[in-house]
Amino acid sequence: MSREQFQIGPPIGFAKTPTLTELAAWFPMQVSNNNPRVVSLSALARVASEHGVKVLFYVWPLDLEYLIELGALDTGALENSRHVIMEAARKENVYFLDLSDFLGHEYFRDPYGHCKQEGQEKIARKLAEETLEILNGNMSLSKARAESLSSNFSPNSEAARPRFGW
């Protein structure tokens, strides 16, 4: 397989508003076990676990409202991909935090998933909280959240409700 098959994101210098086809190609909802990034994630989790290193993996927030508006949100593929990623990272001392539905549309600055300053700060605070929980040896929300991924994202959830006036 070529490297281009696994490129994530638009080509460097791409400046126009993407079409639905372009977004789907750059940010695939469906991630498989043989994706080189998933394979690398699994290897990193295994090595960290073997050496007793605590690691926190997280899924970056998605602008679910924008994806719903475009008709590009495939909840089945998203859930399957979250499961693939979670299973790849499931090892001792490895924690997983799913932030895919953590931010509303107002926290994103473009269609590519880049956050405004407020969104970056909200993510940083959440990661800091999780990291402290892990370092203090508490049952982390990230572990509990990883276990509850099978609860499935619902298009009727708060995260999926479009907000108007953007």
C-alpha atoms as a PDB file:
ATOM      1  CA  MET A   1       0.000   0.000   0.000  1.00  0.00           C
ATOM      2  CA  SER A   2       1.190   3.459  -0.771  1.00  0.00           C
ATOM      3  CA  ARG A   3       1.740   6.180   1.781  1.00  0.00           C
ATOM      4  CA  GLU A   4      -0.918   8.311   0.064  1.00  0.00           C
ATOM      5  CA  GLN A   5      -3.583   5.767   1.003  1.00  0.00           C
ATOM      6  CA  PHE A   6      -3.047   6.643   4.655  1.00  0.00           C
ATOM      7  CA  GLN A   7      -2.536  10.396   4.409  1.00  0.00           C
ATOM      8  CA  ILE A   8      -4.794  12.169   6.860  1.00  0.00           C
ATOM      9  CA  GLY A   9      -5.713  15.769   6.227  1.00  0.00           C
ATOM     10  CA  PRO A  10      -5.603  18.043   3.229  1.00  0.00           C
ATOM     11  CA  PRO A  11      -2.506  18.509   1.114  1.00  0.00           C
ATOM     12  CA  ILE A  12      -0.185  21.266   2.310  1.00  0.00           C
ATOM     13  CA  GLY A  13      -1.292  24.624   0.934  1.00  0.00           C
ATOM     14  CA  PHE A  14      -4.910  23.557   0.324  1.00  0.00           C
ATOM     15  CA  ALA A  15      -6.927  26.734   0.932  1.00  0.00           C
ATOM     16  CA  LYS A  16     -10.434  26.331  -0.488  1.00  0.00           C
ATOM     17  CA  THR A  17     -13.482  25.061   1.395  1.00  0.00           C
ATOM     18  CA  PRO A  18     -13.455  21.286   0.965  1.00  0.00           C
ATOM     19  CA  THR A  19     -16.147  19.292  -0.740  1.00  0.00           C
ATOM     20  CA  LEU A  20     -17.776  16.395   1.043  1.00  0.00           C
ATOM     21  CA  THR A  21     -15.759  13.986  -1.131  1.00  0.00           C
ATOM     22  CA  GLU A  22     -12.478  15.714  -0.211  1.00  0.00           C
ATOM     23  CA  LEU A  23     -13.308  15.678   3.505  1.00  0.00           C
ATOM     24  CA  ALA A  24     -14.237  11.995   3.378  1.00  0.00           C
ATOM     25  CA  ALA A  25     -10.967  11.152   1.618  1.00  0.00           C
ATOM     26  CA  TRP A  26      -8.781  13.156   4.020  1.00  0.00           C
ATOM     27  CA  PHE A  27     -10.517  12.197   7.259  1.00  0.00           C
ATOM     28  CA  PRO A  28     -11.915   8.706   6.845  1.00  0.00           C
ATOM     29  CA  MET A  29     -14.473   7.644   9.454  1.00  0.00           C
ATOM     30  CA  GLN A  30     -13.552   4.011   8.895  1.00  0.00           C
ATOM     31  CA  VAL A  31     -10.186   3.009  10.371  1.00  0.00           C
ATOM     32  CA  SER A  32      -9.074  -0.600  10.037  1.00  0.00           C
ATOM     33  CA  ASN A  33      -6.709  -2.793  12.041  1.00  0.00           C
ATOM     34  CA  ASN A  34      -4.164  -2.774   9.212  1.00  0.00           C
ATOM     35  CA  ASN A  35      -3.900   1.009   9.035  1.00  0.00           C
ATOM     36  CA  PRO A  36      -0.207   1.780   9.699  1.00  0.00           C
ATOM     37  CA  ARG A  37      -1.133   4.312  12.391  1.00  0.00           C
ATOM     38  CA  VAL A  38      -3.267   1.747  14.229  1.00  0.00           C
ATOM     39  CA  VAL A  39      -0.457  -0.821  13.954  1.00  0.00           C
ATOM     40  CA  SER A  40       2.022   1.740  15.344  1.00  0.00           C
ATOM     41  CA  LEU A  41      -0.375   2.697  18.138  1.00  0.00           C
ATOM     42  CA  SER A  42      -0.694  -0.942  19.158  1.00  0.00           C
ATOM     43  CA  ALA A  43       3.081  -1.452  19.095  1.00  0.00           C
ATOM     44  CA  LEU A  44       3.663   1.672  21.180  1.00  0.00           C
ATOM     45  CA  ALA A  45       1.032   0.598  23.716  1.00  0.00           C
ATOM     46  CA  ARG A  46       2.602  -2.875  23.948  1.00  0.00           C
ATOM     47  CA  VAL A  47       6.132  -1.526  24.502  1.00  0.00           C
ATOM     48  CA  ALA A  48       4.926   1.008  27.082  1.00  0.00           C
ATOM     49  CA  SER A  49       2.976  -1.676  28.923  1.00  0.00           C
ATOM     50  CA  GLU A  50       5.920  -4.100  28.914  1.00  0.00           C
ATOM     51  CA  HIS A  51       8.083  -1.414  30.538  1.00  0.00           C
ATOM     52  CA  GLY A  52       5.482  -0.219  33.062  1.00  0.00           C
ATOM     53  CA  VAL A  53       5.157   3.202  31.434  1.00  0.00           C
ATOM     54  CA  LYS A  54       1.796   4.908  31.857  1.00  0.00           C
ATOM     55  CA  VAL A  55       0.436   6.320  28.593  1.00  0.00           C
ATOM     56  CA  LEU A  56      -2.669   8.335  27.816  1.00  0.00           C
ATOM     57  CA  PHE A  57      -3.946   8.059  24.252  1.00  0.00           C
ATOM     58  CA  TYR A  58      -6.781  10.273  23.150  1.00  0.00           C
ATOM     59  CA  VAL A  59      -8.983  10.794  20.137  1.00  0.00           C
ATOM     60  CA  TRP A  60      -9.005  14.431  18.993  1.00  0.00           C
ATOM     61  CA  PRO A  61     -12.407  16.159  18.999  1.00  0.00           C
ATOM     62  CA  LEU A  62     -14.482  16.097  15.843  1.00  0.00           C
ATOM     63  CA  ASP A  63     -16.769  18.869  14.679  1.00  0.00           C
ATOM     64  CA  LEU A  64     -19.747  16.530  14.730  1.00  0.00           C
ATOM     65  CA  GLU A  65     -22.229  19.331  14.103  1.00  0.00           C
ATOM     66  CA  TYR A  66     -20.432  20.298  10.884  1.00  0.00           C
ATOM     67  CA  LEU A  67     -20.263  16.659   9.782  1.00  0.00           C
ATOM     68  CA  ILE A  68     -23.992  16.249  10.457  1.00  0.00           C
ATOM     69  CA  GLU A  69     -24.759  19.408   8.490  1.00  0.00           C
ATOM     70  CA  LEU A  70     -22.763  18.050   5.537  1.00  0.00           C
ATOM     71  CA  GLY A  71     -24.423  14.655   5.832  1.00  0.00           C
ATOM     72  CA  ALA A  72     -20.969  13.166   6.363  1.00  0.00           C
ATOM     73  CA  LEU A  73     -21.349  11.646   9.827  1.00  0.00           C
ATOM     74  CA  ASP A  74     -21.346   7.868   9.559  1.00  0.00           C
ATOM     75  CA  THR A  75     -22.033   6.885  13.170  1.00  0.00           C
ATOM     76  CA  GLY A  76     -21.514   3.183  12.474  1.00  0.00           C
ATOM     77  CA  ALA A  77     -18.085   3.756  10.939  1.00  0.00           C
ATOM     78  CA  LEU A  78     -17.169   6.192  13.738  1.00  0.00           C
ATOM     79  CA  GLU A  79     -18.122   3.667  16.429  1.00  0.00           C
ATOM     80  CA  ASN A  80     -16.242   0.883  14.645  1.00  0.00           C
ATOM     81  CA  SER A  81     -13.145   3.070  14.312  1.00  0.00           C
ATOM     82  CA  ARG A  82     -13.285   4.055  17.992  1.00  0.00           C
ATOM     83  CA  HIS A  83     -13.480   0.363  18.855  1.00  0.00           C
ATOM     84  CA  VAL A  84     -10.507  -0.485  16.576  1.00  0.00           C
ATOM     85  CA  ILE A  85      -8.403   2.295  18.133  1.00  0.00           C
ATOM     86  CA  MET A  86      -9.435   1.395  21.692  1.00  0.00           C
ATOM     87  CA  GLU A  87      -8.609  -2.280  21.162  1.00  0.00           C
ATOM     88  CA  ALA A  88      -5.232  -1.398  19.623  1.00  0.00           C
ATOM     89  CA  ALA A  89      -4.386   0.580  22.755  1.00  0.00           C
ATOM     90  CA  ARG A  90      -5.838  -1.840  25.332  1.00  0.00           C
ATOM     91  CA  LYS A  91      -2.854  -2.793  27.487  1.00  0.00           C
ATOM     92  CA  GLU A  92      -1.839  -2.579  31.154  1.00  0.00           C
ATOM     93  CA  ASN A  93      -0.965   1.014  32.212  1.00  0.00           C
ATOM     94  CA  VAL A  94      -2.416   2.384  28.979  1.00  0.00           C
ATOM     95  CA  TYR A  95      -5.339   4.775  29.216  1.00  0.00           C
ATOM     96  CA  PHE A  96      -7.676   5.916  26.481  1.00  0.00           C
ATOM     97  CA  LEU A  97      -9.710   9.106  26.334  1.00  0.00           C
ATOM     98  CA  ASP A  98     -12.289   9.630  23.621  1.00  0.00           C
ATOM     99  CA  LEU A  99     -12.728  13.356  23.032  1.00  0.00           C
ATOM    100  CA  SER A 100     -14.469  12.943  19.673  1.00  0.00           C
ATOM    101  CA  ASP A 101     -17.701  14.494  21.014  1.00  0.00           C
ATOM    102  CA  PHE A 102     -16.047  16.798  23.580  1.00  0.00           C
ATOM    103  CA  LEU A 103     -16.389  20.142  21.748  1.00  0.00           C
ATOM    104  CA  GLY A 104     -19.258  21.906  20.030  1.00  0.00           C
ATOM    105  CA  HIS A 105     -19.007  23.568  16.637  1.00  0.00           C
ATOM    106  CA  GLU A 106     -18.224  26.965  18.163  1.00  0.00           C
ATOM    107  CA  TYR A 107     -14.789  25.688  19.286  1.00  0.00           C
ATOM    108  CA  PHE A 108     -13.578  24.912  15.745  1.00  0.00           C
ATOM    109  CA  ARG A 109     -11.972  27.462  13.441  1.00  0.00           C
ATOM    110  CA  ASP A 110     -12.057  25.558  10.146  1.00  0.00           C
ATOM    111  CA  PRO A 111     -13.518  22.443   8.499  1.00  0.00           C
ATOM    112  CA  TYR A 112     -10.323  20.454   9.129  1.00  0.00           C
ATOM    113  CA  GLY A 113     -10.761  20.013  12.887  1.00  0.00           C
ATOM    114  CA  HIS A 114      -8.428  22.797  14.009  1.00  0.00           C
ATOM    115  CA  CYS A 115      -9.623  24.391  17.223  1.00  0.00           C
ATOM    116  CA  LYS A 116      -9.863  27.991  18.257  1.00  0.00           C
ATOM    117  CA  GLN A 117      -7.830  29.043  21.303  1.00  0.00           C
ATOM    118  CA  GLU A 118     -10.796  28.354  23.614  1.00  0.00           C
ATOM    119  CA  GLY A 119     -11.122  24.822  22.269  1.00  0.00           C
ATOM    120  CA  GLN A 120      -7.405  24.150  22.680  1.00  0.00           C
ATOM    121  CA  GLU A 121      -7.572  25.379  26.278  1.00  0.00           C
ATOM    122  CA  LYS A 122     -10.600  23.190  27.047  1.00  0.00           C
ATOM    123  CA  ILE A 123      -8.804  20.148  25.637  1.00  0.00           C
ATOM    124  CA  ALA A 124      -5.632  21.000  27.584  1.00  0.00           C
ATOM    125  CA  ARG A 125      -7.594  21.264  30.860  1.00  0.00           C
ATOM    126  CA  LYS A 126      -9.262  17.887  30.226  1.00  0.00           C
ATOM    127  CA  LEU A 127      -5.946  16.219  29.412  1.00  0.00           C
ATOM    128  CA  ALA A 128      -4.374  17.751  32.535  1.00  0.00           C
ATOM    129  CA  GLU A 129      -7.223  16.429  34.720  1.00  0.00           C
ATOM    130  CA  GLU A 130      -6.887  12.945  33.233  1.00  0.00           C
ATOM    131  CA  THR A 131      -3.110  12.963  33.568  1.00  0.00           C
ATOM    132  CA  LEU A 132      -3.349  13.904  37.257  1.00  0.00           C
ATOM    133  CA  GLU A 133      -5.856  11.107  37.852  1.00  0.00           C
ATOM    134  CA  ILE A 134      -3.524   8.612  36.199  1.00  0.00           C
ATOM    135  CA  LEU A 135      -0.419   9.830  38.036  1.00  0.00           C
ATOM    136  CA  ASN A 136      -2.273   9.767  41.364  1.00  0.00           C
ATOM    137  CA  GLY A 137      -3.184   6.135  40.730  1.00  0.00           C
ATOM    138  CA  ASN A 138      -6.933   6.752  40.723  1.00  0.00           C
ATOM    139  CA  MET A 139      -9.340   4.902  38.498  1.00  0.00           C
ATOM    140  CA  SER A 140      -9.212   7.357  35.660  1.00  0.00           C
ATOM    141  CA  LEU A 141     -12.197   8.654  33.791  1.00  0.00           C
ATOM    142  CA  SER A 142     -10.262   7.639  30.692  1.00  0.00           C
ATOM    143  CA  LYS A 143     -10.413   3.967  31.701  1.00  0.00           C
ATOM    144  CA  ALA A 144     -14.108   4.231  32.486  1.00  0.00           C
ATOM    145  CA  ARG A 145     -14.727   6.088  29.226  1.00  0.00           C
ATOM    146  CA  ALA A 146     -12.806   3.490  27.227  1.00  0.00           C
ATOM    147  CA  GLU A 147     -14.949   0.764  28.742  1.00  0.00           C
ATOM    148  CA  SER A 148     -18.140   2.617  27.837  1.00  0.00           C
ATOM    149  CA  LEU A 149     -17.370   3.141  24.154  1.00  0.00           C
ATOM    150  CA  SER A 150     -19.898   0.498  23.284  1.00  0.00           C
ATOM    151  CA  SER A 151     -22.607   2.924  24.392  1.00  0.00           C
ATOM    152  CA  ASN A 152     -22.514   4.286  20.817  1.00  0.00           C
ATOM    153  CA  PHE A 153     -22.683   7.895  19.713  1.00  0.00           C
ATOM    154  CA  SER A 154     -26.246   8.928  19.083  1.00  0.00           C
ATOM    155  CA  PRO A 155     -27.159  11.457  16.400  1.00  0.00           C
ATOM    156  CA  ASN A 156     -29.790  12.695  18.880  1.00  0.00           C
ATOM    157  CA  SER A 157     -27.238  13.413  21.607  1.00  0.00           C
ATOM    158  CA  GLU A 158     -26.316  16.919  22.745  1.00  0.00           C
ATOM    159  CA  ALA A 159     -23.105  16.736  20.682  1.00  0.00           C
ATOM    160  CA  ALA A 160     -25.068  15.937  17.535  1.00  0.00           C
ATOM    161  CA  ARG A 161     -27.592  18.760  17.838  1.00  0.00           C
ATOM    162  CA  PRO A 162     -26.777  21.472  15.318  1.00  0.00           C
ATOM    163  CA  ARG A 163     -26.366  24.951  16.732  1.00  0.00           C
ATOM    164  CA  PHE A 164     -27.529  27.720  14.500  1.00  0.00           C
ATOM    165  CA  GLY A 165     -26.002  31.127  13.845  1.00  0.00           C
ATOM    166  CA  TRP A 166     -22.526  30.021  12.808  1.00  0.00           C
END
